Amino acid sequence: MEKLVTSLQTPSLTKAELSELLYERIGLNKRESKDMVDAFFDLLRDALAAGQDVKLSNFGNFQLRDKAQRPGRNPRTGEVIPIRARRVVTFHPSQKFKEQLQGGAEASVPLVVSGTLPG
């Protein structure tokens, strides 16, 4: 199901929209759809919080990366400010996903994120 861009805001796909797509395509009731989306993101979040990488076949990998403390600069004043060490999540798309983004392979489900669902 393609989504049309209807605003100048940054495109996004919300959890509510994912739930609605499960409801429409798979036939789960709306409560089950919402619970399934919430459970998926809870599992993803919990695995990353536990220090595990998350690999989704034909989509990509979510990995944790520790960034060291480094000097930063306040752009307004030019003052040097230390940026604390922190842990960040990175995403690396799979080769198949990269090919779909570049148009090298037809996506089985066209997805243009943002806006409203047609119909």
C-alpha atoms as a PDB file:
ATOM      1  CA  MET A   1       0.000   0.000   0.000  1.00  0.00           C
ATOM      2  CA  GLU A   2       1.582   3.271  -1.055  1.00  0.00           C
ATOM      3  CA  LYS A   3       1.323   6.310   1.137  1.00  0.00           C
ATOM      4  CA  LEU A   4       1.215   9.760  -0.339  1.00  0.00           C
ATOM      5  CA  VAL A   5       3.287  12.648   0.971  1.00  0.00           C
ATOM      6  CA  THR A   6       0.840  15.366   2.012  1.00  0.00           C
ATOM      7  CA  SER A   7       2.973  17.682   4.111  1.00  0.00           C
ATOM      8  CA  LEU A   8       6.376  19.297   4.198  1.00  0.00           C
ATOM      9  CA  GLN A   9       7.242  17.540   7.455  1.00  0.00           C
ATOM     10  CA  THR A  10       9.874  14.826   7.610  1.00  0.00           C
ATOM     11  CA  PRO A  11       8.366  11.582   6.291  1.00  0.00           C
ATOM     12  CA  SER A  12       7.583   9.014   8.979  1.00  0.00           C
ATOM     13  CA  LEU A  13       5.759   5.753   9.513  1.00  0.00           C
ATOM     14  CA  THR A  14       4.142   5.565  12.932  1.00  0.00           C
ATOM     15  CA  LYS A  15       3.408   2.596  15.171  1.00  0.00           C
ATOM     16  CA  ALA A  16      -0.289   3.370  14.750  1.00  0.00           C
ATOM     17  CA  GLU A  17       0.076   3.131  10.961  1.00  0.00           C
ATOM     18  CA  LEU A  18       1.936  -0.182  11.298  1.00  0.00           C
ATOM     19  CA  SER A  19      -0.889  -1.492  13.492  1.00  0.00           C
ATOM     20  CA  GLU A  20      -3.459  -0.356  10.922  1.00  0.00           C
ATOM     21  CA  LEU A  21      -1.552  -2.147   8.132  1.00  0.00           C
ATOM     22  CA  LEU A  22      -1.531  -5.393  10.166  1.00  0.00           C
ATOM     23  CA  TYR A  23      -5.249  -4.987  10.738  1.00  0.00           C
ATOM     24  CA  GLU A  24      -5.950  -4.438   7.028  1.00  0.00           C
ATOM     25  CA  ARG A  25      -3.560  -6.964   5.481  1.00  0.00           C
ATOM     26  CA  ILE A  26      -3.484  -9.856   7.934  1.00  0.00           C
ATOM     27  CA  GLY A  27      -6.906  -9.550   9.489  1.00  0.00           C
ATOM     28  CA  LEU A  28      -5.852  -9.256  13.115  1.00  0.00           C
ATOM     29  CA  ASN A  29      -8.237  -7.220  15.196  1.00  0.00           C
ATOM     30  CA  LYS A  30      -7.081  -3.714  16.049  1.00  0.00           C
ATOM     31  CA  ARG A  31      -6.109  -4.635  19.631  1.00  0.00           C
ATOM     32  CA  GLU A  32      -4.012  -7.610  18.484  1.00  0.00           C
ATOM     33  CA  SER A  33      -2.362  -5.468  15.806  1.00  0.00           C
ATOM     34  CA  LYS A  34      -1.392  -2.793  18.323  1.00  0.00           C
ATOM     35  CA  ASP A  35      -0.136  -5.412  20.810  1.00  0.00           C
ATOM     36  CA  MET A  36       1.963  -7.120  18.114  1.00  0.00           C
ATOM     37  CA  VAL A  37       3.636  -3.868  17.037  1.00  0.00           C
ATOM     38  CA  ASP A  38       4.276  -2.898  20.671  1.00  0.00           C
ATOM     39  CA  ALA A  39       5.714  -6.366  21.424  1.00  0.00           C
ATOM     40  CA  PHE A  40       8.042  -6.173  18.418  1.00  0.00           C
ATOM     41  CA  PHE A  41       9.467  -2.823  19.466  1.00  0.00           C
ATOM     42  CA  ASP A  42       9.724  -3.931  23.106  1.00  0.00           C
ATOM     43  CA  LEU A  43      11.779  -6.964  22.020  1.00  0.00           C
ATOM     44  CA  LEU A  44      13.968  -4.794  19.798  1.00  0.00           C
ATOM     45  CA  ARG A  45      14.516  -2.254  22.586  1.00  0.00           C
ATOM     46  CA  ASP A  46      15.190  -4.934  25.238  1.00  0.00           C
ATOM     47  CA  ALA A  47      17.719  -6.767  23.061  1.00  0.00           C
ATOM     48  CA  LEU A  48      19.623  -3.555  22.308  1.00  0.00           C
ATOM     49  CA  ALA A  49      19.498  -2.484  25.972  1.00  0.00           C
ATOM     50  CA  ALA A  50      21.024  -5.880  26.873  1.00  0.00           C
ATOM     51  CA  GLY A  51      23.915  -5.199  24.489  1.00  0.00           C
ATOM     52  CA  GLN A  52      22.782  -7.589  21.747  1.00  0.00           C
ATOM     53  CA  ASP A  53      22.815  -6.792  18.041  1.00  0.00           C
ATOM     54  CA  VAL A  54      19.488  -7.225  16.242  1.00  0.00           C
ATOM     55  CA  LYS A  55      19.536  -8.735  12.752  1.00  0.00           C
ATOM     56  CA  LEU A  56      16.407  -8.639  10.599  1.00  0.00           C
ATOM     57  CA  SER A  57      16.726 -10.782   7.484  1.00  0.00           C
ATOM     58  CA  ASN A  58      16.453  -8.829   4.203  1.00  0.00           C
ATOM     59  CA  PHE A  59      16.152  -5.582   6.164  1.00  0.00           C
ATOM     60  CA  GLY A  60      19.312  -4.852   8.125  1.00  0.00           C
ATOM     61  CA  ASN A  61      21.177  -4.854  11.426  1.00  0.00           C
ATOM     62  CA  PHE A  62      20.815  -2.664  14.488  1.00  0.00           C
ATOM     63  CA  GLN A  63      24.075  -2.480  16.427  1.00  0.00           C
ATOM     64  CA  LEU A  64      25.300  -0.718  19.529  1.00  0.00           C
ATOM     65  CA  ARG A  65      28.329   1.506  19.295  1.00  0.00           C
ATOM     66  CA  ASP A  66      30.179   3.168  22.147  1.00  0.00           C
ATOM     67  CA  LYS A  67      31.291   6.686  21.328  1.00  0.00           C
ATOM     68  CA  ALA A  68      34.161   8.172  23.278  1.00  0.00           C
ATOM     69  CA  GLN A  69      34.090  11.573  24.915  1.00  0.00           C
ATOM     70  CA  ARG A  70      35.159  14.292  22.508  1.00  0.00           C
ATOM     71  CA  PRO A  71      35.435  18.046  22.405  1.00  0.00           C
ATOM     72  CA  GLY A  72      32.540  19.966  20.902  1.00  0.00           C
ATOM     73  CA  ARG A  73      31.941  23.627  20.234  1.00  0.00           C
ATOM     74  CA  ASN A  74      28.976  25.851  21.016  1.00  0.00           C
ATOM     75  CA  PRO A  75      28.222  27.333  17.574  1.00  0.00           C
ATOM     76  CA  ARG A  76      26.796  30.517  19.046  1.00  0.00           C
ATOM     77  CA  THR A  77      29.670  31.382  21.383  1.00  0.00           C
ATOM     78  CA  GLY A  78      32.528  29.289  20.023  1.00  0.00           C
ATOM     79  CA  GLU A  79      33.103  27.939  23.543  1.00  0.00           C
ATOM     80  CA  VAL A  80      34.635  24.447  23.721  1.00  0.00           C
ATOM     81  CA  ILE A  81      32.280  22.055  25.504  1.00  0.00           C
ATOM     82  CA  PRO A  82      33.018  18.369  26.185  1.00  0.00           C
ATOM     83  CA  ILE A  83      30.556  15.915  24.658  1.00  0.00           C
ATOM     84  CA  ARG A  84      30.090  12.975  27.021  1.00  0.00           C
ATOM     85  CA  ALA A  85      30.852   9.384  26.118  1.00  0.00           C
ATOM     86  CA  ARG A  86      27.674   7.603  25.147  1.00  0.00           C
ATOM     87  CA  ARG A  87      26.232   4.506  23.572  1.00  0.00           C
ATOM     88  CA  VAL A  88      24.343   4.889  20.289  1.00  0.00           C
ATOM     89  CA  VAL A  89      22.350   2.555  18.050  1.00  0.00           C
ATOM     90  CA  THR A  90      23.379   2.328  14.421  1.00  0.00           C
ATOM     91  CA  PHE A  91      21.478   0.774  11.537  1.00  0.00           C
ATOM     92  CA  HIS A  92      23.109  -0.914   8.562  1.00  0.00           C
ATOM     93  CA  PRO A  93      20.697  -1.931   5.771  1.00  0.00           C
ATOM     94  CA  SER A  94      21.037  -5.369   4.173  1.00  0.00           C
ATOM     95  CA  GLN A  95      22.322  -5.679   0.625  1.00  0.00           C
ATOM     96  CA  LYS A  96      18.838  -6.616  -0.587  1.00  0.00           C
ATOM     97  CA  PHE A  97      17.340  -3.547   1.086  1.00  0.00           C
ATOM     98  CA  LYS A  98      20.051  -1.327  -0.438  1.00  0.00           C
ATOM     99  CA  GLU A  99      19.225  -2.719  -3.879  1.00  0.00           C
ATOM    100  CA  GLN A 100      15.523  -1.995  -3.348  1.00  0.00           C
ATOM    101  CA  LEU A 101      16.333   1.571  -2.318  1.00  0.00           C
ATOM    102  CA  GLN A 102      18.384   2.049  -5.458  1.00  0.00           C
ATOM    103  CA  GLY A 103      15.694   0.527  -7.680  1.00  0.00           C
ATOM    104  CA  GLY A 104      17.786  -2.527  -8.535  1.00  0.00           C
ATOM    105  CA  ALA A 105      15.138  -4.936  -7.241  1.00  0.00           C
ATOM    106  CA  GLU A 106      11.398  -4.592  -7.121  1.00  0.00           C
ATOM    107  CA  ALA A 107      10.084  -4.320  -3.592  1.00  0.00           C
ATOM    108  CA  SER A 108       7.286  -6.766  -2.841  1.00  0.00           C
ATOM    109  CA  VAL A 109       5.496  -4.039  -0.878  1.00  0.00           C
ATOM    110  CA  PRO A 110       6.001  -0.477  -2.122  1.00  0.00           C
ATOM    111  CA  LEU A 111       6.514   1.856   0.809  1.00  0.00           C
ATOM    112  CA  VAL A 112       6.648   5.629   0.674  1.00  0.00           C
ATOM    113  CA  VAL A 113       6.588   6.782   4.257  1.00  0.00           C
ATOM    114  CA  SER A 114       4.643   9.845   5.417  1.00  0.00           C
ATOM    115  CA  GLY A 115       1.309  11.354   4.723  1.00  0.00           C
ATOM    116  CA  THR A 116      -2.011   9.566   4.748  1.00  0.00           C
ATOM    117  CA  LEU A 117      -3.212   6.241   3.463  1.00  0.00           C
ATOM    118  CA  PRO A 118      -5.185   6.415   0.215  1.00  0.00           C
ATOM    119  CA  GLY A 119      -8.863   5.437   0.282  1.00  0.00           C
END
